[in-house]
Amino acid sequence: MRAVYRNPKELATCLKDIVDNYLEFLISYEEMEARIKKIVEANGERVYKDGNISLKLYPYLGDERVEIIDKIVKE
């Protein structure tokens, strides 16, 4: 798994896959949390702008995944 993504679609797909793996019980919450934090830290402004998830990522992720990612990042 790469940490830095330049293309918003690839970044969104990576985040989507991580959350989907958690929702399908393939990875634990702690593992998902660690992966998402690592990606958000490495990509900074590409993921969150002004405290909200980037509008370029939102359509790929959907409401449910965005809520899960927000919960992890806000902790």
PDB file of N, CA and C in Angstrom:
ATOM      1  N   MET A   1       0.834  -1.173   0.000  1.00  0.00           N
ATOM      2  CA  MET A   1       0.000   0.000   0.000  1.00  0.00           C
ATOM      3  C   MET A   1       0.885   1.244   0.000  1.00  0.00           C
ATOM      4  N   ARG A   2       0.634   2.123  -0.945  1.00  0.00           N
ATOM      5  CA  ARG A   2       1.363   3.385  -1.000  1.00  0.00           C
ATOM      6  C   ARG A   2       0.818   4.337   0.050  1.00  0.00           C
ATOM      7  N   ALA A   3       1.615   5.293   0.445  1.00  0.00           N
ATOM      8  CA  ALA A   3       1.157   6.275   1.427  1.00  0.00           C
ATOM      9  C   ALA A   3       0.751   7.582   0.755  1.00  0.00           C
ATOM     10  N   VAL A   4       1.465   7.976  -0.304  1.00  0.00           N
ATOM     11  CA  VAL A   4       1.194   9.252  -0.959  1.00  0.00           C
ATOM     12  C   VAL A   4       0.586   8.999  -2.334  1.00  0.00           C
ATOM     13  N   TYR A   5      -0.518   9.692  -2.592  1.00  0.00           N
ATOM     14  CA  TYR A   5      -1.210   9.584  -3.872  1.00  0.00           C
ATOM     15  C   TYR A   5      -1.331  10.971  -4.478  1.00  0.00           C
ATOM     16  N   ARG A   6      -1.027  11.087  -5.753  1.00  0.00           N
ATOM     17  CA  ARG A   6      -1.144  12.368  -6.437  1.00  0.00           C
ATOM     18  C   ARG A   6      -2.492  12.495  -7.145  1.00  0.00           C
ATOM     19  N   ASN A   7      -3.070  11.388  -7.514  1.00  0.00           N
ATOM     20  CA  ASN A   7      -4.334  11.365  -8.233  1.00  0.00           C
ATOM     21  C   ASN A   7      -5.481  11.207  -7.228  1.00  0.00           C
ATOM     22  N   PRO A   8      -6.462  12.120  -7.210  1.00  0.00           N
ATOM     23  CA  PRO A   8      -7.563  12.025  -6.246  1.00  0.00           C
ATOM     24  C   PRO A   8      -8.378  10.738  -6.369  1.00  0.00           C
ATOM     25  N   LYS A   9      -8.528  10.235  -7.578  1.00  0.00           N
ATOM     26  CA  LYS A   9      -9.308   9.011  -7.762  1.00  0.00           C
ATOM     27  C   LYS A   9      -8.602   7.820  -7.113  1.00  0.00           C
ATOM     28  N   GLU A  10      -7.293   7.719  -7.276  1.00  0.00           N
ATOM     29  CA  GLU A  10      -6.535   6.629  -6.649  1.00  0.00           C
ATOM     30  C   GLU A  10      -6.580   6.739  -5.130  1.00  0.00           C
ATOM     31  N   LEU A  11      -6.470   7.955  -4.616  1.00  0.00           N
ATOM     32  CA  LEU A  11      -6.537   8.182  -3.173  1.00  0.00           C
ATOM     33  C   LEU A  11      -7.903   7.766  -2.637  1.00  0.00           C
ATOM     34  N   ALA A  12      -8.960   8.185  -3.310  1.00  0.00           N
ATOM     35  CA  ALA A  12     -10.317   7.831  -2.885  1.00  0.00           C
ATOM     36  C   ALA A  12     -10.543   6.329  -2.963  1.00  0.00           C
ATOM     37  N   THR A  13     -10.038   5.696  -4.008  1.00  0.00           N
ATOM     38  CA  THR A  13     -10.196   4.248  -4.162  1.00  0.00           C
ATOM     39  C   THR A  13      -9.482   3.505  -3.036  1.00  0.00           C
ATOM     40  N   CYS A  14      -8.306   3.966  -2.668  1.00  0.00           N
ATOM     41  CA  CYS A  14      -7.563   3.338  -1.571  1.00  0.00           C
ATOM     42  C   CYS A  14      -8.338   3.458  -0.261  1.00  0.00           C
ATOM     43  N   LEU A  15      -8.815   4.658   0.057  1.00  0.00           N
ATOM     44  CA  LEU A  15      -9.598   4.857   1.283  1.00  0.00           C
ATOM     45  C   LEU A  15     -10.875   4.019   1.261  1.00  0.00           C
ATOM     46  N   LYS A  16     -11.523   3.973   0.114  1.00  0.00           N
ATOM     47  CA  LYS A  16     -12.759   3.197  -0.043  1.00  0.00           C
ATOM     48  C   LYS A  16     -12.493   1.717   0.205  1.00  0.00           C
ATOM     49  N   ASP A  17     -11.417   1.205  -0.358  1.00  0.00           N
ATOM     50  CA  ASP A  17     -11.077  -0.212  -0.180  1.00  0.00           C
ATOM     51  C   ASP A  17     -10.781  -0.543   1.282  1.00  0.00           C
ATOM     52  N   ILE A  18     -10.098   0.350   1.975  1.00  0.00           N
ATOM     53  CA  ILE A  18      -9.789   0.111   3.388  1.00  0.00           C
ATOM     54  C   ILE A  18     -11.071   0.037   4.207  1.00  0.00           C
ATOM     55  N   VAL A  19     -11.968   1.000   4.006  1.00  0.00           N
ATOM     56  CA  VAL A  19     -13.224   1.007   4.766  1.00  0.00           C
ATOM     57  C   VAL A  19     -14.078  -0.198   4.393  1.00  0.00           C
ATOM     58  N   ASP A  20     -14.123  -0.548   3.109  1.00  0.00           N
ATOM     59  CA  ASP A  20     -14.906  -1.714   2.681  1.00  0.00           C
ATOM     60  C   ASP A  20     -14.370  -3.003   3.299  1.00  0.00           C
ATOM     61  N   ASN A  21     -13.051  -3.130   3.376  1.00  0.00           N
ATOM     62  CA  ASN A  21     -12.465  -4.316   4.017  1.00  0.00           C
ATOM     63  C   ASN A  21     -12.881  -4.404   5.479  1.00  0.00           C
ATOM     64  N   TYR A  22     -12.949  -3.265   6.145  1.00  0.00           N
ATOM     65  CA  TYR A  22     -13.403  -3.258   7.538  1.00  0.00           C
ATOM     66  C   TYR A  22     -14.878  -3.653   7.617  1.00  0.00           C
ATOM     67  N   LEU A  23     -15.705  -3.093   6.743  1.00  0.00           N
ATOM     68  CA  LEU A  23     -17.140  -3.383   6.773  1.00  0.00           C
ATOM     69  C   LEU A  23     -17.440  -4.840   6.434  1.00  0.00           C
ATOM     70  N   GLU A  24     -16.541  -5.474   5.689  1.00  0.00           N
ATOM     71  CA  GLU A  24     -16.699  -6.893   5.346  1.00  0.00           C
ATOM     72  C   GLU A  24     -15.975  -7.795   6.350  1.00  0.00           C
ATOM     73  N   PHE A  25     -15.505  -7.207   7.452  1.00  0.00           N
ATOM     74  CA  PHE A  25     -14.836  -7.940   8.536  1.00  0.00           C
ATOM     75  C   PHE A  25     -13.544  -8.628   8.088  1.00  0.00           C
ATOM     76  N   LEU A  26     -12.861  -8.039   7.109  1.00  0.00           N
ATOM     77  CA  LEU A  26     -11.588  -8.593   6.650  1.00  0.00           C
ATOM     78  C   LEU A  26     -10.405  -8.023   7.433  1.00  0.00           C
ATOM     79  N   ILE A  27     -10.578  -6.824   7.993  1.00  0.00           N
ATOM     80  CA  ILE A  27      -9.551  -6.233   8.846  1.00  0.00           C
ATOM     81  C   ILE A  27     -10.223  -5.694  10.110  1.00  0.00           C
ATOM     82  N   SER A  28      -9.438  -5.519  11.158  1.00  0.00           N
ATOM     83  CA  SER A  28      -9.976  -5.016  12.425  1.00  0.00           C
ATOM     84  C   SER A  28     -10.109  -3.491  12.368  1.00  0.00           C
ATOM     85  N   TYR A  29     -10.857  -2.964  13.324  1.00  0.00           N
ATOM     86  CA  TYR A  29     -11.026  -1.507  13.415  1.00  0.00           C
ATOM     87  C   TYR A  29      -9.679  -0.831  13.642  1.00  0.00           C
ATOM     88  N   GLU A  30      -8.857  -1.420  14.488  1.00  0.00           N
ATOM     89  CA  GLU A  30      -7.550  -0.835  14.803  1.00  0.00           C
ATOM     90  C   GLU A  30      -6.652  -0.778  13.570  1.00  0.00           C
ATOM     91  N   GLU A  31      -6.692  -1.834  12.762  1.00  0.00           N
ATOM     92  CA  GLU A  31      -5.881  -1.855  11.541  1.00  0.00           C
ATOM     93  C   GLU A  31      -6.383  -0.809  10.555  1.00  0.00           C
ATOM     94  N   MET A  32      -7.705  -0.706  10.409  1.00  0.00           N
ATOM     95  CA  MET A  32      -8.282   0.303   9.520  1.00  0.00           C
ATOM     96  C   MET A  32      -7.904   1.694  10.007  1.00  0.00           C
ATOM     97  N   GLU A  33      -8.008   1.913  11.300  1.00  0.00           N
ATOM     98  CA  GLU A  33      -7.694   3.210  11.886  1.00  0.00           C
ATOM     99  C   GLU A  33      -6.240   3.595  11.600  1.00  0.00           C
ATOM    100  N   ALA A  34      -5.323   2.669  11.784  1.00  0.00           N
ATOM    101  CA  ALA A  34      -3.901   2.940  11.546  1.00  0.00           C
ATOM    102  C   ALA A  34      -3.636   3.267  10.082  1.00  0.00           C
ATOM    103  N   ARG A  35      -4.235   2.514   9.182  1.00  0.00           N
ATOM    104  CA  ARG A  35      -4.022   2.748   7.748  1.00  0.00           C
ATOM    105  C   ARG A  35      -4.584   4.099   7.314  1.00  0.00           C
ATOM    106  N   ILE A  36      -5.785   4.415   7.771  1.00  0.00           N
ATOM    107  CA  ILE A  36      -6.407   5.680   7.371  1.00  0.00           C
ATOM    108  C   ILE A  36      -5.614   6.858   7.921  1.00  0.00           C
ATOM    109  N   LYS A  37      -5.188   6.787   9.169  1.00  0.00           N
ATOM    110  CA  LYS A  37      -4.396   7.878   9.750  1.00  0.00           C
ATOM    111  C   LYS A  37      -3.096   8.077   8.985  1.00  0.00           C
ATOM    112  N   LYS A  38      -2.456   6.979   8.599  1.00  0.00           N
ATOM    113  CA  LYS A  38      -1.198   7.064   7.848  1.00  0.00           C
ATOM    114  C   LYS A  38      -1.423   7.760   6.503  1.00  0.00           C
ATOM    115  N   ILE A  39      -2.478   7.392   5.807  1.00  0.00           N
ATOM    116  CA  ILE A  39      -2.768   7.982   4.497  1.00  0.00           C
ATOM    117  C   ILE A  39      -3.151   9.450   4.635  1.00  0.00           C
ATOM    118  N   VAL A  40      -3.983   9.782   5.618  1.00  0.00           N
ATOM    119  CA  VAL A  40      -4.404  11.172   5.814  1.00  0.00           C
ATOM    120  C   VAL A  40      -3.203  12.046   6.170  1.00  0.00           C
ATOM    121  N   GLU A  41      -2.316  11.566   7.028  1.00  0.00           N
ATOM    122  CA  GLU A  41      -1.124  12.332   7.395  1.00  0.00           C
ATOM    123  C   GLU A  41      -0.203  12.536   6.197  1.00  0.00           C
ATOM    124  N   ALA A  42      -0.043  11.514   5.377  1.00  0.00           N
ATOM    125  CA  ALA A  42       0.869  11.598   4.233  1.00  0.00           C
ATOM    126  C   ALA A  42       0.324  12.493   3.123  1.00  0.00           C
ATOM    127  N   ASN A  43      -0.997  12.564   2.985  1.00  0.00           N
ATOM    128  CA  ASN A  43      -1.596  13.312   1.883  1.00  0.00           C
ATOM    129  C   ASN A  43      -2.144  14.674   2.287  1.00  0.00           C
ATOM    130  N   GLY A  44      -2.255  14.933   3.565  1.00  0.00           N
ATOM    131  CA  GLY A  44      -2.617  16.248   4.087  1.00  0.00           C
ATOM    132  C   GLY A  44      -3.795  16.919   3.414  1.00  0.00           C
ATOM    133  N   GLU A  45      -3.514  18.022   2.721  1.00  0.00           N
ATOM    134  CA  GLU A  45      -4.556  18.850   2.102  1.00  0.00           C
ATOM    135  C   GLU A  45      -5.326  18.134   0.997  1.00  0.00           C
ATOM    136  N   ARG A  46      -4.784  17.075   0.453  1.00  0.00           N
ATOM    137  CA  ARG A  46      -5.508  16.347  -0.597  1.00  0.00           C
ATOM    138  C   ARG A  46      -6.711  15.613  -0.034  1.00  0.00           C
ATOM    139  N   VAL A  47      -6.686  15.303   1.267  1.00  0.00           N
ATOM    140  CA  VAL A  47      -7.793  14.579   1.893  1.00  0.00           C
ATOM    141  C   VAL A  47      -8.732  15.550   2.595  1.00  0.00           C
ATOM    142  N   TYR A  48      -8.193  16.403   3.444  1.00  0.00           N
ATOM    143  CA  TYR A  48      -9.016  17.338   4.217  1.00  0.00           C
ATOM    144  C   TYR A  48      -8.648  18.767   3.888  1.00  0.00           C
ATOM    145  N   LYS A  49      -9.662  19.568   3.547  1.00  0.00           N
ATOM    146  CA  LYS A  49      -9.480  20.997   3.331  1.00  0.00           C
ATOM    147  C   LYS A  49     -10.442  21.714   4.257  1.00  0.00           C
ATOM    148  N   ASP A  50      -9.927  22.603   5.079  1.00  0.00           N
ATOM    149  CA  ASP A  50     -10.735  23.375   6.035  1.00  0.00           C
ATOM    150  C   ASP A  50     -11.554  22.480   6.950  1.00  0.00           C
ATOM    151  N   GLY A  51     -11.015  21.351   7.341  1.00  0.00           N
ATOM    152  CA  GLY A  51     -11.688  20.461   8.278  1.00  0.00           C
ATOM    153  C   GLY A  51     -12.726  19.538   7.668  1.00  0.00           C
ATOM    154  N   ASN A  52     -12.922  19.623   6.361  1.00  0.00           N
ATOM    155  CA  ASN A  52     -13.886  18.756   5.672  1.00  0.00           C
ATOM    156  C   ASN A  52     -13.177  17.930   4.618  1.00  0.00           C
ATOM    157  N   ILE A  53     -13.740  16.764   4.336  1.00  0.00           N
ATOM    158  CA  ILE A  53     -13.136  15.899   3.329  1.00  0.00           C
ATOM    159  C   ILE A  53     -13.213  16.590   1.967  1.00  0.00           C
ATOM    160  N   SER A  54     -12.201  16.439   1.169  1.00  0.00           N
ATOM    161  CA  SER A  54     -12.115  17.091  -0.134  1.00  0.00           C
ATOM    162  C   SER A  54     -13.307  16.737  -1.014  1.00  0.00           C
ATOM    163  N   LEU A  55     -13.815  17.731  -1.726  1.00  0.00           N
ATOM    164  CA  LEU A  55     -14.963  17.503  -2.612  1.00  0.00           C
ATOM    165  C   LEU A  55     -14.611  16.590  -3.783  1.00  0.00           C
ATOM    166  N   LYS A  56     -13.329  16.485  -4.102  1.00  0.00           N
ATOM    167  CA  LYS A  56     -12.918  15.573  -5.172  1.00  0.00           C
ATOM    168  C   LYS A  56     -13.015  14.118  -4.730  1.00  0.00           C
ATOM    169  N   LEU A  57     -12.890  13.857  -3.438  1.00  0.00           N
ATOM    170  CA  LEU A  57     -12.942  12.489  -2.920  1.00  0.00           C
ATOM    171  C   LEU A  57     -14.359  12.058  -2.563  1.00  0.00           C
ATOM    172  N   TYR A  58     -15.187  13.004  -2.164  1.00  0.00           N
ATOM    173  CA  TYR A  58     -16.512  12.691  -1.627  1.00  0.00           C
ATOM    174  C   TYR A  58     -17.366  11.827  -2.551  1.00  0.00           C
ATOM    175  N   PRO A  59     -17.446  12.128  -3.858  1.00  0.00           N
ATOM    176  CA  PRO A  59     -18.300  11.293  -4.725  1.00  0.00           C
ATOM    177  C   PRO A  59     -17.850   9.835  -4.807  1.00  0.00           C
ATOM    178  N   TYR A  60     -16.569   9.589  -4.703  1.00  0.00           N
ATOM    179  CA  TYR A  60     -16.060   8.217  -4.776  1.00  0.00           C
ATOM    180  C   TYR A  60     -16.329   7.445  -3.485  1.00  0.00           C
ATOM    181  N   LEU A  61     -16.355   8.160  -2.361  1.00  0.00           N
ATOM    182  CA  LEU A  61     -16.465   7.503  -1.061  1.00  0.00           C
ATOM    183  C   LEU A  61     -17.904   7.279  -0.607  1.00  0.00           C
ATOM    184  N   GLY A  62     -18.743   8.264  -0.767  1.00  0.00           N
ATOM    185  CA  GLY A  62     -20.122   8.147  -0.296  1.00  0.00           C
ATOM    186  C   GLY A  62     -20.245   8.534   1.170  1.00  0.00           C
ATOM    187  N   ASP A  63     -21.486   8.724   1.616  1.00  0.00           N
ATOM    188  CA  ASP A  63     -21.757   9.239   2.959  1.00  0.00           C
ATOM    189  C   ASP A  63     -21.266   8.322   4.075  1.00  0.00           C
ATOM    190  N   GLU A  64     -21.553   7.032   3.970  1.00  0.00           N
ATOM    191  CA  GLU A  64     -21.218   6.098   5.054  1.00  0.00           C
ATOM    192  C   GLU A  64     -19.710   6.029   5.287  1.00  0.00           C
ATOM    193  N   ARG A  65     -18.951   5.932   4.212  1.00  0.00           N
ATOM    194  CA  ARG A  65     -17.492   5.840   4.344  1.00  0.00           C
ATOM    195  C   ARG A  65     -16.903   7.146   4.871  1.00  0.00           C
ATOM    196  N   VAL A  66     -17.450   8.267   4.401  1.00  0.00           N
ATOM    197  CA  VAL A  66     -16.960   9.565   4.866  1.00  0.00           C
ATOM    198  C   VAL A  66     -17.195   9.718   6.366  1.00  0.00           C
ATOM    199  N   GLU A  67     -18.340   9.267   6.862  1.00  0.00           N
ATOM    200  CA  GLU A  67     -18.621   9.330   8.301  1.00  0.00           C
ATOM    201  C   GLU A  67     -17.598   8.517   9.095  1.00  0.00           C
ATOM    202  N   ILE A  68     -17.269   7.328   8.602  1.00  0.00           N
ATOM    203  CA  ILE A  68     -16.298   6.472   9.290  1.00  0.00           C
ATOM    204  C   ILE A  68     -14.915   7.127   9.291  1.00  0.00           C
ATOM    205  N   ILE A  69     -14.498   7.656   8.146  1.00  0.00           N
ATOM    206  CA  ILE A  69     -13.188   8.308   8.042  1.00  0.00           C
ATOM    207  C   ILE A  69     -13.148   9.549   8.930  1.00  0.00           C
ATOM    208  N   ASP A  70     -14.220  10.351   8.916  1.00  0.00           N
ATOM    209  CA  ASP A  70     -14.281  11.542   9.774  1.00  0.00           C
ATOM    210  C   ASP A  70     -14.141  11.173  11.241  1.00  0.00           C
ATOM    211  N   LYS A  71     -14.820  10.121  11.652  1.00  0.00           N
ATOM    212  CA  LYS A  71     -14.773   9.684  13.050  1.00  0.00           C
ATOM    213  C   LYS A  71     -13.340   9.334  13.456  1.00  0.00           C
ATOM    214  N   ILE A  72     -12.627   8.640  12.579  1.00  0.00           N
ATOM    215  CA  ILE A  72     -11.249   8.235  12.871  1.00  0.00           C
ATOM    216  C   ILE A  72     -10.326   9.450  12.937  1.00  0.00           C
ATOM    217  N   VAL A  73     -10.461  10.361  11.983  1.00  0.00           N
ATOM    218  CA  VAL A  73      -9.567  11.516  11.918  1.00  0.00           C
ATOM    219  C   VAL A  73      -9.826  12.484  13.070  1.00  0.00           C
ATOM    220  N   LYS A  74     -11.056  12.623  13.475  1.00  0.00           N
ATOM    221  CA  LYS A  74     -11.401  13.565  14.550  1.00  0.00           C
ATOM    222  C   LYS A  74     -10.937  13.078  15.918  1.00  0.00           C
ATOM    223  N   GLU A  75     -10.669  11.788  16.080  1.00  0.00           N
ATOM    224  CA  GLU A  75     -10.228  11.243  17.378  1.00  0.00           C
ATOM    225  C   GLU A  75      -8.862  11.748  17.768  1.00  0.00           C
TER     226      GLU A  75
END
